[in-house]
Protein backbone atom coordinates (compact mmCIF):
# COMPACT_ATOMS: atom_id res chain seq x y z
CA MET A 1 26.89 -104.87 -1.04
CA LEU A 2 26.44 -101.24 -2.10
CA LEU A 3 27.31 -98.29 0.13
CA VAL A 4 25.25 -95.15 -0.48
CA ILE A 5 26.37 -91.87 1.10
CA ASP A 6 24.23 -88.74 1.40
CA VAL A 7 26.28 -85.76 2.60
CA GLY A 8 23.85 -83.08 3.78
CA ASN A 9 24.47 -79.73 5.42
CA THR A 10 23.82 -81.04 8.93
CA HIS A 11 24.19 -84.82 8.75
CA THR A 12 25.92 -87.39 6.57
CA VAL A 13 23.90 -90.58 6.19
CA PHE A 14 25.37 -93.93 5.16
CA GLY A 15 23.19 -96.74 3.87
CA LEU A 16 24.08 -100.33 2.99
CA TYR A 17 22.10 -102.17 0.31
CA GLN A 18 22.03 -105.81 -0.68
CA GLY A 19 19.99 -105.79 -3.86
CA ASP A 20 16.87 -103.75 -3.10
CA GLU A 21 17.06 -104.32 0.66
CA LEU A 22 18.38 -101.60 2.94
CA LEU A 23 20.41 -103.64 5.43
CA GLY A 24 21.39 -100.75 7.68
CA HIS A 25 21.85 -97.01 7.94
CA TRP A 26 24.08 -94.76 10.07
CA ARG A 27 24.29 -91.03 10.62
CA MET A 28 27.13 -88.70 11.60
CA ALA A 29 27.42 -84.93 11.87
CA THR A 30 28.63 -83.25 8.70
CA ASP A 31 31.91 -81.59 9.63
CA PRO A 32 34.23 -80.23 6.90
CA THR A 33 37.15 -80.44 9.33
CA ARG A 34 36.74 -84.20 9.75
CA THR A 35 39.60 -86.05 8.10
CA THR A 36 39.52 -88.93 5.65
CA ASP A 37 40.65 -91.32 8.37
CA GLU A 38 38.07 -90.12 10.90
CA SER A 39 35.27 -90.73 8.40
CA GLY A 40 36.74 -94.09 7.42
CA ILE A 41 37.08 -95.28 10.99
CA PHE A 42 33.50 -94.19 11.75
CA LEU A 43 32.25 -96.17 8.77
CA LYS A 44 34.31 -99.25 9.58
CA GLU A 45 33.20 -99.27 13.22
CA MET A 46 29.53 -98.73 12.41
CA LEU A 47 29.56 -101.58 9.90
CA ALA A 48 31.35 -103.87 12.35
CA PHE A 49 28.92 -102.91 15.14
CA SER A 50 26.08 -104.11 12.89
CA SER A 51 27.98 -107.30 11.99
CA PHE A 52 28.96 -106.22 8.47
CA ASN A 53 32.45 -106.43 7.02
CA ILE A 54 33.72 -103.40 5.15
CA ARG A 55 35.49 -105.75 2.73
CA ASP A 56 32.11 -106.98 1.49
CA VAL A 57 31.24 -103.53 0.10
CA LYS A 58 31.64 -103.78 -3.68
CA GLY A 59 30.37 -100.36 -4.78
CA ALA A 60 29.81 -96.83 -3.47
CA ILE A 61 27.83 -93.79 -4.62
CA VAL A 62 27.91 -90.31 -3.09
CA SER A 63 25.54 -87.33 -3.13
CA CYS A 64 27.11 -84.25 -1.57
CA VAL A 65 25.82 -80.68 -1.08
CA VAL A 66 28.83 -79.59 1.00
CA PRO A 67 31.75 -79.10 -1.43
CA PRO A 68 34.48 -79.05 1.29
CA MET A 69 33.41 -82.59 2.28
CA MET A 70 33.69 -84.07 -1.18
CA HIS A 71 37.45 -84.66 -1.18
CA ALA A 72 37.49 -86.35 2.24
CA ILE A 73 34.57 -88.66 1.40
CA THR A 74 36.06 -89.60 -1.97
CA ARG A 75 39.45 -90.29 -0.40
CA MET A 76 37.74 -92.32 2.33
CA CYS A 77 36.20 -94.60 -0.30
CA GLU A 78 39.53 -94.96 -2.07
CA ARG A 79 41.47 -95.73 1.12
CA TYR A 80 39.00 -97.82 3.11
CA LEU A 81 36.95 -99.43 0.31
CA SER A 82 39.71 -99.59 -2.32
CA MET A 83 37.43 -98.03 -4.93
CA GLU A 84 36.51 -94.71 -6.49
CA PRO A 85 32.88 -93.85 -5.70
CA LEU A 86 30.30 -92.81 -8.26
CA VAL A 87 29.49 -89.15 -7.57
CA VAL A 88 26.11 -87.60 -8.33
CA GLY A 89 26.82 -84.57 -10.49
CA PRO A 90 27.18 -83.36 -14.08
CA GLY A 91 27.58 -86.24 -16.50
CA ILE A 92 25.84 -88.89 -14.42
CA LYS A 93 22.80 -90.58 -15.95
CA THR A 94 19.64 -89.85 -13.97
CA GLY A 95 16.78 -90.58 -16.36
CA VAL A 96 15.21 -87.32 -15.15
CA PRO A 97 15.39 -84.30 -17.51
CA VAL A 98 16.23 -81.18 -15.47
CA LEU A 99 14.25 -78.12 -16.64
CA TYR A 100 15.86 -75.72 -14.16
CA GLU A 101 17.21 -72.55 -15.81
CA ASN A 102 20.71 -73.53 -14.67
CA PRO A 103 20.76 -77.27 -13.90
CA ARG A 104 24.12 -76.96 -12.12
CA GLU A 105 22.42 -74.93 -9.37
CA VAL A 106 20.20 -77.83 -8.32
CA GLY A 107 21.44 -79.66 -5.23
CA ALA A 108 22.42 -83.27 -5.86
CA ASP A 109 20.07 -84.46 -3.11
CA ARG A 110 17.09 -82.82 -4.81
CA ILE A 111 17.78 -84.66 -8.06
CA VAL A 112 18.26 -87.93 -6.19
CA ASN A 113 14.92 -87.43 -4.41
CA ALA A 114 13.22 -86.68 -7.72
CA VAL A 115 14.58 -89.90 -9.24
CA ALA A 116 13.39 -91.97 -6.28
CA ALA A 117 9.95 -90.35 -6.05
CA TYR A 118 9.15 -90.69 -9.75
CA GLN A 119 10.35 -94.30 -9.92
CA GLN A 120 8.12 -95.15 -6.96
CA GLU A 121 4.99 -93.35 -8.09
CA LYS A 122 5.24 -93.13 -11.91
CA GLN A 123 3.24 -89.89 -11.80
CA SER A 124 3.73 -86.22 -11.01
CA CYS A 125 5.14 -85.67 -7.51
CA ILE A 126 6.01 -83.01 -5.00
CA VAL A 127 8.86 -84.00 -2.70
CA VAL A 128 8.95 -82.14 0.61
CA ASP A 129 12.36 -82.58 2.25
CA LEU A 130 12.51 -81.44 5.87
CA GLY A 131 16.24 -81.08 6.37
CA THR A 132 18.55 -78.17 7.11
CA ALA A 133 16.39 -76.32 4.60
CA THR A 134 12.78 -77.26 3.89
CA THR A 135 12.60 -77.82 0.14
CA PHE A 136 9.74 -78.55 -2.24
CA ASP A 137 10.50 -80.14 -5.62
CA TYR A 138 8.02 -80.66 -8.44
CA ILE A 139 8.34 -83.53 -10.92
CA THR A 140 6.01 -83.61 -13.95
CA PRO A 141 3.87 -86.56 -15.10
CA LYS A 142 6.65 -87.22 -17.67
CA GLY A 143 9.30 -87.48 -14.96
CA GLU A 144 10.86 -84.06 -15.58
CA TYR A 145 12.39 -82.11 -12.71
CA VAL A 146 11.01 -78.57 -13.00
CA GLY A 147 12.16 -76.79 -9.87
CA GLY A 148 10.73 -75.93 -6.51
CA VAL A 149 10.75 -73.86 -3.36
CA ILE A 150 13.43 -73.40 -0.68
CA SER A 151 12.68 -72.13 2.83
CA PRO A 152 14.60 -72.20 6.13
CA GLY A 153 14.46 -75.53 7.94
CA MET A 154 12.70 -76.05 11.24
CA GLN A 155 15.89 -76.41 13.26
CA ILE A 156 17.44 -73.31 11.66
CA SER A 157 14.33 -71.30 12.51
CA LEU A 158 14.37 -72.44 16.13
CA GLU A 159 18.09 -71.73 16.44
CA ALA A 160 17.57 -68.21 15.08
CA LEU A 161 14.77 -67.67 17.59
CA PHE A 162 17.00 -68.85 20.44
CA GLN A 163 19.92 -66.67 19.34
CA ARG A 164 18.02 -63.49 18.56
CA ALA A 165 15.36 -63.47 21.31
CA SER A 166 17.19 -63.21 24.61
CA LYS A 167 14.49 -64.74 26.82
CA LEU A 168 13.60 -67.71 24.62
CA PRO A 169 15.24 -71.08 25.40
CA ARG A 170 16.63 -73.73 23.07
CA ILE A 171 13.93 -76.42 22.84
CA GLU A 172 13.27 -79.85 21.41
CA ILE A 173 10.92 -80.11 18.42
CA ALA A 174 7.98 -82.12 19.75
CA PRO A 175 4.16 -81.99 19.69
CA PRO A 176 2.84 -79.45 22.21
CA PRO A 177 -0.06 -80.27 24.58
CA LYS A 178 -2.30 -77.72 22.83
CA VAL A 179 -2.11 -75.16 20.05
CA VAL A 180 -2.39 -72.32 22.55
CA GLY A 181 0.72 -72.81 24.66
CA ARG A 182 0.46 -71.92 28.35
CA ASN A 183 4.22 -71.83 28.85
CA THR A 184 7.11 -70.66 26.70
CA VAL A 185 8.32 -74.09 25.61
CA ALA A 186 4.83 -75.24 24.59
CA ALA A 187 4.23 -71.97 22.74
CA MET A 188 7.47 -72.36 20.79
CA GLN A 189 6.73 -76.01 20.01
CA ALA A 190 3.29 -75.04 18.71
CA GLY A 191 4.76 -72.27 16.62
CA ILE A 192 7.37 -74.42 14.93
CA LEU A 193 5.22 -77.55 14.39
CA TYR A 194 1.93 -75.97 13.37
CA GLY A 195 3.67 -73.10 11.63
CA TYR A 196 5.60 -75.47 9.38
CA ALA A 197 2.57 -77.69 8.81
CA GLY A 198 0.75 -74.59 7.60
CA LEU A 199 3.73 -73.54 5.49
CA ILE A 200 3.82 -76.97 3.82
CA ASP A 201 0.09 -77.02 3.11
CA GLY A 202 0.19 -73.48 1.76
CA VAL A 203 3.15 -74.04 -0.55
CA VAL A 204 1.89 -77.43 -1.79
CA ASN A 205 -1.52 -76.00 -2.63
CA ARG A 206 0.06 -73.08 -4.50
CA ILE A 207 2.25 -75.48 -6.50
CA LYS A 208 -0.78 -77.62 -7.38
CA ALA A 209 -2.72 -74.56 -8.51
CA GLU A 210 0.18 -73.42 -10.68
CA VAL A 211 1.05 -76.73 -12.37
CA LYS A 212 -2.60 -77.77 -12.79
CA THR A 213 -1.90 -81.45 -12.06
CA ASP A 214 -2.61 -83.62 -9.04
CA PRO A 215 0.87 -84.64 -7.85
CA LYS A 216 1.53 -87.18 -5.11
CA VAL A 217 3.04 -85.39 -2.11
CA ILE A 218 5.90 -87.29 -0.47
CA ALA A 219 7.74 -86.11 2.63
CA THR A 220 11.26 -87.13 3.61
CA GLY A 221 13.90 -86.02 6.08
CA GLY A 222 14.34 -86.51 9.80
CA LEU A 223 11.25 -84.54 10.86
CA ALA A 224 8.94 -85.75 8.10
CA ALA A 225 7.01 -88.27 10.21
CA LEU A 226 6.30 -85.70 12.91
CA VAL A 227 5.17 -82.93 10.58
CA ALA A 228 3.14 -85.31 8.39
CA GLN A 229 0.79 -85.85 11.34
CA GLU A 230 -0.24 -82.19 11.10
CA ALA A 231 0.22 -81.26 7.42
CA LYS A 232 -2.94 -82.24 5.55
CA THR A 233 -1.33 -82.28 2.10
CA ILE A 234 1.39 -84.86 2.87
CA GLU A 235 0.23 -88.22 1.53
CA LYS A 236 3.27 -90.41 2.13
CA VAL A 237 6.40 -90.40 4.30
CA GLU A 238 9.60 -91.95 2.94
CA PRO A 239 12.41 -91.41 5.48
CA PHE A 240 15.02 -93.09 3.27
CA LEU A 241 13.96 -91.61 -0.08
CA THR A 242 17.43 -90.18 -0.77
CA LEU A 243 19.21 -93.45 0.01
CA TRP A 244 16.83 -95.32 -2.31
CA GLY A 245 17.42 -92.74 -5.04
CA LEU A 246 21.17 -93.24 -4.75
CA LYS A 247 20.70 -96.98 -5.11
CA LEU A 248 18.58 -96.43 -8.25
CA LEU A 249 21.21 -94.13 -9.75
CA TRP A 250 23.91 -96.73 -9.09
CA ASP A 251 21.87 -99.37 -10.93
CA LEU A 252 21.20 -97.00 -13.83
CA ASN A 253 24.84 -96.02 -14.30
CA LYS A 254 26.38 -99.45 -13.74
CA SER A 255 23.95 -101.52 -15.81
């Protein structure tokens, strides 16, 4: 079995593959103070809870956008899996030419998403990732990663609103009863959901006008399914796009 690990700014997601099948996935908070052993015990317990044996894991690949986490995750693989993981970064084969002015600036997760999206669609794509940041990445019809757009994520925006506006509460992101909220919570829910749906449609349409192609628009990330119900330009939701991309990169580099 293959363990894929996506270390994001807010959450770290583990996925377990047997061939092309995603057998299970688990999520923990990304915490740079968490030790190697804490991460290893979490992984071991989650696998055991789902009736998997950690000894059956024969490979591991890591994508990490939080540099302080990299050492602990690598050491975890070495100590608890008895192997050195493949790390997404400079020197790894991706099959996707990166046309960014400085390729080293591109987050590993964005490249992984580009690999997965292009392999699925075999055409130009825009990947909308609704994570800590909301990112848009454009891949050409030839499978080249060009670049994209970065904006604050939905949760960050809500947290800023809560912290900076003294009378506004911390709320859950959920569909409001109506667009015009008749109480504070409903008004905030409408603002964040419909505001971000409008942001996504606006940015996607501007990208399409600039690149002069008709890319497939794929959304991923924890809030993708919710926002896709309101954003007219989102054509497909792939909640595990990053995990699938990591699996593809493992196959490409170990074949």
